[in-house]
């Protein structure tokens, strides 16, 4: 049987369009089931708080539940590898954090290469750290801390949430730039580190603003300065570390990534939703109350942040000779 030319052309055009249909359907129906947002930290810290806030806000906007799942361990590598190995369909996402930027230099061998194996989706927020001390320490400013540390080399301990953590590398950057000898004491999380700072078993800590704020307000620890490039609204009277150590900046940041190969239309949809959240006045107010600054932008903007932070903290880790245990 010979088909008329016009009918043949119509059938050929329809056949050529078939491969595009799954992409079109995926864009129109995503998400059609719950999304898992995996974090590499235990519940209770700033990462967990960020994931749960954005998880709820995204659930409201997407019409599907965003389930926050903690897979703590190995400095977030367990969570990261789970996402890297997941199907690139937008249903398994990672809350990316500074640990993802430091691990490339911290570990000699990983089963993945973070910058190569993830699809950047959206930046969310950035938290400043705050330099805090036990009130018994006779220092009230960064210059006084530097002077005390230089007069008593090795006598001060600074507590952190673990080797290679944001709190650790913030302290190492301070040591490097200020030229002081302060001994790092790692803990299994920020909460036990803070408890020992309050008890006086450690004297200094570079903690995230949201987790330090209640103890500052209660007078249990003394704040000296914030580590960001600009002052923090919830601690308006505190100067910057950079006022005394020019060029110093350290902060915790969070954003969302998926496995490499996550469809562009899914990436774009999630990026639009995160940016819409960051533009809402009530969400901006809530995040400001926590001491967070916003990271709106494109997937390419977030990719640049990931690359820049990986380079910056890699230099600090190599200078300090830090290795994962």
Protein backbone atom coordinates (compact mmCIF):
# COMPACT_ATOMS: atom_id res chain seq x y z
CA UNK A 1 0.00 0.00 0.00
CA UNK A 2 1.35 3.41 -0.97
CA UNK A 3 0.55 6.36 1.30
CA UNK A 4 -0.32 9.73 -0.22
CA UNK A 5 2.61 12.13 0.18
CA UNK A 6 0.69 14.57 2.42
CA UNK A 7 -0.41 11.82 4.85
CA UNK A 8 3.09 10.37 4.92
CA UNK A 9 4.55 13.75 5.88
CA UNK A 10 1.99 14.17 8.66
CA UNK A 11 2.84 10.76 10.10
CA UNK A 12 6.58 11.45 9.87
CA UNK A 13 6.17 14.76 11.68
CA UNK A 14 4.17 13.08 14.45
CA UNK A 15 6.80 10.35 14.86
CA UNK A 16 9.57 12.96 15.08
CA UNK A 17 7.71 14.73 17.88
CA UNK A 18 7.39 11.61 20.09
CA UNK A 19 10.83 11.83 21.75
CA UNK A 20 10.02 15.33 23.03
CA UNK A 21 6.82 14.26 24.77
CA UNK A 22 8.32 12.83 27.98
CA UNK A 23 10.15 16.11 28.60
CA UNK A 24 6.99 18.13 28.04
CA UNK A 25 4.95 15.88 30.31
CA UNK A 26 7.66 15.94 32.99
CA UNK A 27 7.74 19.73 33.02
CA UNK A 28 3.97 19.96 33.29
CA UNK A 29 3.50 17.31 35.99
CA UNK A 30 6.57 17.78 38.24
CA UNK A 31 6.30 17.16 41.08
CA UNK A 32 3.76 14.37 41.07
CA UNK A 33 4.97 12.72 44.29
CA UNK A 34 6.88 13.75 47.47
CA UNK A 35 10.38 15.19 47.13
CA UNK A 36 13.16 14.12 49.51
CA UNK A 37 15.50 16.88 50.69
CA UNK A 38 18.50 15.19 52.27
CA UNK A 39 20.77 16.90 54.79
CA UNK A 40 24.11 15.65 56.05
CA UNK A 41 23.62 16.84 59.62
CA UNK A 42 21.84 15.78 62.78
CA UNK A 43 18.58 17.55 63.63
CA UNK A 44 18.78 20.75 65.67
CA UNK A 45 21.41 22.85 63.88
CA UNK A 46 21.17 25.64 61.33
CA UNK A 47 21.17 23.17 58.39
CA UNK A 48 18.20 21.28 59.82
CA UNK A 49 16.40 24.55 60.55
CA UNK A 50 17.01 25.80 57.01
CA UNK A 51 15.88 22.53 55.43
CA UNK A 52 12.66 22.42 57.45
CA UNK A 53 11.73 26.04 56.78
CA UNK A 54 12.32 25.78 53.04
CA UNK A 55 10.86 22.28 52.95
CA UNK A 56 7.56 23.56 54.33
CA UNK A 57 7.55 26.65 52.11
CA UNK A 58 8.30 24.60 49.00
CA UNK A 59 5.63 22.06 49.96
CA UNK A 60 3.09 24.87 50.10
CA UNK A 61 4.10 26.21 46.69
CA UNK A 62 4.56 22.91 44.85
CA UNK A 63 1.52 21.09 46.20
CA UNK A 64 3.67 18.07 47.14
CA UNK A 65 5.35 17.28 50.42
CA UNK A 66 9.06 17.99 50.72
CA UNK A 67 10.37 15.40 53.18
CA UNK A 68 13.50 16.44 55.08
CA UNK A 69 15.72 13.42 55.64
CA UNK A 70 18.83 13.47 57.85
CA UNK A 71 21.71 11.22 56.81
CA UNK A 72 24.42 12.51 59.09
CA UNK A 73 27.98 11.22 59.07
CA UNK A 74 31.36 11.51 57.38
CA UNK A 75 31.18 15.31 57.21
CA UNK A 76 28.04 15.20 54.99
CA UNK A 77 29.63 12.73 52.53
CA UNK A 78 27.05 10.02 53.25
CA UNK A 79 24.20 12.36 52.37
CA UNK A 80 26.02 13.78 49.36
CA UNK A 81 26.81 10.38 47.89
CA UNK A 82 23.19 9.29 48.35
CA UNK A 83 22.05 12.23 46.24
CA UNK A 84 24.81 11.90 43.66
CA UNK A 85 23.80 8.24 43.11
CA UNK A 86 20.06 8.96 43.01
CA UNK A 87 17.97 9.12 39.84
CA UNK A 88 18.30 12.62 38.33
CA UNK A 89 14.57 13.26 38.29
CA UNK A 90 14.18 16.07 40.83
CA UNK A 91 12.78 13.87 43.59
CA UNK A 92 16.02 13.49 45.56
CA UNK A 93 17.75 16.76 46.43
CA UNK A 94 20.59 17.79 48.73
CA UNK A 95 20.85 20.75 51.05
CA UNK A 96 24.35 21.84 50.00
CA UNK A 97 26.53 23.47 52.65
CA UNK A 98 30.11 24.64 53.22
CA UNK A 99 31.10 21.07 54.11
CA UNK A 100 30.63 20.22 50.44
CA UNK A 101 33.16 22.95 49.60
CA UNK A 102 35.72 21.84 52.18
CA UNK A 103 35.56 18.08 51.68
CA UNK A 104 37.37 18.14 48.33
CA UNK A 105 40.54 19.27 50.14
CA UNK A 106 39.80 17.54 53.44
CA UNK A 107 39.55 14.00 52.07
CA UNK A 108 42.22 12.32 49.95
CA UNK A 109 39.68 10.09 48.22
CA UNK A 110 35.93 10.36 47.80
CA UNK A 111 33.53 8.27 45.73
CA UNK A 112 32.35 11.40 43.94
CA UNK A 113 33.54 14.82 42.83
CA UNK A 114 31.05 17.32 44.16
CA UNK A 115 31.36 20.11 41.59
CA UNK A 116 31.31 17.58 38.74
CA UNK A 117 28.55 15.30 40.00
CA UNK A 118 25.79 17.68 41.11
CA UNK A 119 23.40 20.02 39.35
CA UNK A 120 23.26 23.42 41.13
CA UNK A 121 19.65 24.53 41.52
CA UNK A 122 19.33 27.51 43.86
CA UNK A 123 21.11 29.40 46.60
CA UNK A 124 18.99 30.00 49.69
CA UNK A 125 20.61 31.85 52.59
CA UNK A 126 23.89 32.75 54.21
CA UNK A 127 24.52 32.89 57.97
CA UNK A 128 27.34 34.89 59.51
CA UNK A 129 29.38 33.34 62.27
CA UNK A 130 29.97 35.22 65.49
CA UNK A 131 33.19 35.06 67.51
CA UNK A 132 32.16 34.29 71.08
CA UNK A 133 34.17 33.69 74.25
CA UNK A 134 33.54 32.40 77.73
CA UNK A 135 32.80 35.45 79.93
CA UNK A 136 35.70 34.58 82.24
CA UNK A 137 38.19 35.28 79.44
CA UNK A 138 39.51 38.84 79.94
CA UNK A 139 38.86 40.03 76.37
CA UNK A 140 36.00 42.10 74.97
CA UNK A 141 37.22 42.90 71.47
CA UNK A 142 38.99 41.20 68.57
CA UNK A 143 42.20 43.24 69.14
CA UNK A 144 42.17 42.13 72.79
CA UNK A 145 41.67 38.49 71.72
CA UNK A 146 44.58 38.72 69.29
CA UNK A 147 46.79 40.37 71.90
CA UNK A 148 45.90 37.75 74.53
CA UNK A 149 46.53 34.88 72.11
CA UNK A 150 49.92 36.31 71.11
CA UNK A 151 50.91 36.81 74.74
CA UNK A 152 49.77 33.26 75.61
CA UNK A 153 50.49 31.11 72.54
CA UNK A 154 48.72 27.75 72.66
CA UNK A 155 46.91 28.59 75.89
CA UNK A 156 43.50 29.19 74.30
CA UNK A 157 41.23 26.49 72.90
CA UNK A 158 38.61 27.11 70.25
CA UNK A 159 35.75 24.64 70.02
CA UNK A 160 34.10 23.55 66.78
CA UNK A 161 31.47 21.12 65.57
CA UNK A 162 34.13 18.88 64.02
CA UNK A 163 37.21 18.69 61.84
CA UNK A 164 36.67 20.54 58.58
CA UNK A 165 33.35 22.02 59.71
CA UNK A 166 32.39 25.61 58.98
CA UNK A 167 33.17 26.51 62.57
CA UNK A 168 36.59 24.87 62.34
CA UNK A 169 37.75 26.47 59.09
CA UNK A 170 36.45 29.88 60.22
CA UNK A 171 38.78 29.59 63.21
CA UNK A 172 41.68 28.39 61.09
CA UNK A 173 41.23 31.32 58.70
CA UNK A 174 41.33 33.67 61.70
CA UNK A 175 44.50 32.02 63.02
CA UNK A 176 46.12 32.25 59.60
CA UNK A 177 45.24 35.89 58.97
CA UNK A 178 45.78 37.17 62.54
CA UNK A 179 48.97 35.17 63.08
CA UNK A 180 47.90 33.60 66.38
CA UNK A 181 48.29 30.15 67.94
CA UNK A 182 44.92 28.94 69.27
CA UNK A 183 44.36 25.21 69.70
CA UNK A 184 41.45 23.61 67.86
CA UNK A 185 39.26 21.20 69.84
CA UNK A 186 36.72 19.33 67.65
CA UNK A 187 33.41 18.04 69.02
CA UNK A 188 30.73 15.79 67.59
CA UNK A 189 28.43 18.67 66.72
CA UNK A 190 27.93 22.31 67.61
CA UNK A 191 25.74 21.68 70.68
CA UNK A 192 28.38 19.85 72.78
CA UNK A 193 30.99 22.40 71.66
CA UNK A 194 28.79 25.23 72.91
CA UNK A 195 28.16 23.45 76.23
CA UNK A 196 31.90 23.20 76.86
CA UNK A 197 32.39 26.85 75.91
CA UNK A 198 29.73 27.86 78.45
CA UNK A 199 31.35 25.59 81.06
CA UNK A 200 34.77 27.15 80.42
CA UNK A 201 36.44 24.01 79.12
CA UNK A 202 36.91 25.89 75.83
CA UNK A 203 37.46 29.62 75.67
CA UNK A 204 36.62 30.66 72.09
CA UNK A 205 34.15 29.57 69.39
CA UNK A 206 33.22 30.70 65.88
CA UNK A 207 29.55 29.76 65.93
CA UNK A 208 26.66 30.35 63.53
CA UNK A 209 24.63 33.38 64.59
CA UNK A 210 21.26 31.55 64.89
CA UNK A 211 22.57 28.90 67.29
CA UNK A 212 24.70 31.31 69.35
CA UNK A 213 22.04 34.01 69.67
CA UNK A 214 20.03 32.53 72.60
CA UNK A 215 23.19 32.09 74.69
CA UNK A 216 24.37 35.61 73.87
CA UNK A 217 21.01 37.04 74.95
CA UNK A 218 21.14 35.02 78.18
CA UNK A 219 24.64 36.34 78.94
CA UNK A 220 26.18 32.87 78.98
CA UNK A 221 28.75 33.77 76.32
CA UNK A 222 30.29 37.08 75.23
CA UNK A 223 30.20 38.10 71.56
CA UNK A 224 33.17 39.98 70.09
CA UNK A 225 32.44 40.39 66.37
CA UNK A 226 30.66 38.84 63.39
CA UNK A 227 32.57 37.15 60.61
CA UNK A 228 30.51 38.37 57.64
CA UNK A 229 31.28 41.13 55.16
CA UNK A 230 28.46 43.29 56.55
CA UNK A 231 26.93 43.84 59.97
CA UNK A 232 24.13 41.56 61.12
CA UNK A 233 20.73 43.05 61.95
CA UNK A 234 20.13 40.81 64.98
CA UNK A 235 23.50 41.86 66.47
CA UNK A 236 23.65 45.48 65.27
CA UNK A 237 26.21 46.68 67.80
CA UNK A 238 28.83 44.08 66.93
CA UNK A 239 31.71 45.09 64.63
CA UNK A 240 33.13 42.90 61.88
CA UNK A 241 36.21 40.76 62.35
CA UNK A 242 37.32 42.38 59.07
CA UNK A 243 37.42 45.77 60.84
CA UNK A 244 40.54 44.48 62.61
CA UNK A 245 41.68 41.66 60.29
CA UNK A 246 41.22 43.17 56.80
CA UNK A 247 39.80 40.78 54.24
CA UNK A 248 38.51 38.25 56.76
CA UNK A 249 35.12 36.71 55.92
CA UNK A 250 33.54 33.39 56.89
CA UNK A 251 29.95 32.30 56.81
CA UNK A 252 27.67 29.32 56.51
CA UNK A 253 25.53 29.14 53.39
CA UNK A 254 22.88 26.77 52.15
CA UNK A 255 21.37 25.96 48.79
CA UNK A 256 19.81 23.11 46.84
CA UNK A 257 21.49 20.79 44.37
CA UNK A 258 20.36 17.63 42.59
CA UNK A 259 22.17 14.77 40.86
CA UNK A 260 23.99 15.67 37.65
CA UNK A 261 21.62 15.40 34.73
CA UNK A 262 18.54 16.67 36.56
CA UNK A 263 16.32 17.98 33.74
CA UNK A 264 16.71 21.69 32.99
CA UNK A 265 12.98 22.31 33.27
CA UNK A 266 12.95 20.78 36.78
CA UNK A 267 15.99 22.84 37.81
CA UNK A 268 14.36 25.99 36.46
CA UNK A 269 11.06 25.30 38.23
CA UNK A 270 12.71 24.70 41.61
CA UNK A 271 14.92 27.75 41.12
CA UNK A 272 11.88 29.94 40.39
CA UNK A 273 10.09 28.65 43.48
CA UNK A 274 13.05 29.24 45.81
CA UNK A 275 13.52 32.76 44.44
CA UNK A 276 9.79 33.43 44.86
CA UNK A 277 10.08 32.37 48.52
CA UNK A 278 13.04 34.69 49.05
CA UNK A 279 11.01 37.58 47.60
CA UNK A 280 8.04 37.15 49.99
CA UNK A 281 8.00 39.77 52.73
CA UNK A 282 6.98 37.41 55.55
CA UNK A 283 9.70 34.91 54.60
CA UNK A 284 12.30 37.69 54.39
CA UNK A 285 11.29 38.88 57.85
CA UNK A 286 11.48 35.36 59.32
CA UNK A 287 14.94 34.77 57.86
CA UNK A 288 16.17 38.20 59.01
CA UNK A 289 15.09 37.33 62.56
CA UNK A 290 17.45 34.35 62.36
CA UNK A 291 20.34 36.54 61.21
CA UNK A 292 20.31 35.22 57.65
CA UNK A 293 21.04 37.12 54.45
CA UNK A 294 19.46 35.98 51.20
CA UNK A 295 21.08 34.28 48.19
CA UNK A 296 18.67 34.77 45.30
CA UNK A 297 19.88 34.11 41.78
CA UNK A 298 20.14 31.67 38.91
CA UNK A 299 21.52 28.12 38.98
CA UNK A 300 24.68 29.57 37.39
CA UNK A 301 25.01 32.06 40.26
CA UNK A 302 24.86 29.24 42.78
CA UNK A 303 27.34 27.18 40.75
CA UNK A 304 29.80 30.08 40.93
CA UNK A 305 29.37 30.33 44.70
CA UNK A 306 30.09 26.60 45.05
CA UNK A 307 33.25 26.90 42.94
CA UNK A 308 34.48 30.03 44.74
CA UNK A 309 33.92 28.56 48.20
CA UNK A 310 35.64 25.30 47.24
CA UNK A 311 38.70 27.22 46.10
CA UNK A 312 38.77 29.54 49.15
CA UNK A 313 38.47 26.90 51.84
CA UNK A 314 40.74 24.48 50.01
CA UNK A 315 43.55 27.02 50.43
CA UNK A 316 42.84 27.36 54.17
CA UNK A 317 42.72 23.59 54.70
CA UNK A 318 45.99 23.03 52.85
CA UNK A 319 47.68 25.90 54.73
CA UNK A 320 46.56 24.52 58.11
CA UNK A 321 47.36 20.92 57.12
CA UNK A 322 43.91 19.71 58.09
CA UNK A 323 42.96 16.12 57.28
CA UNK A 324 39.79 14.22 58.02
CA UNK A 325 40.06 11.65 60.80
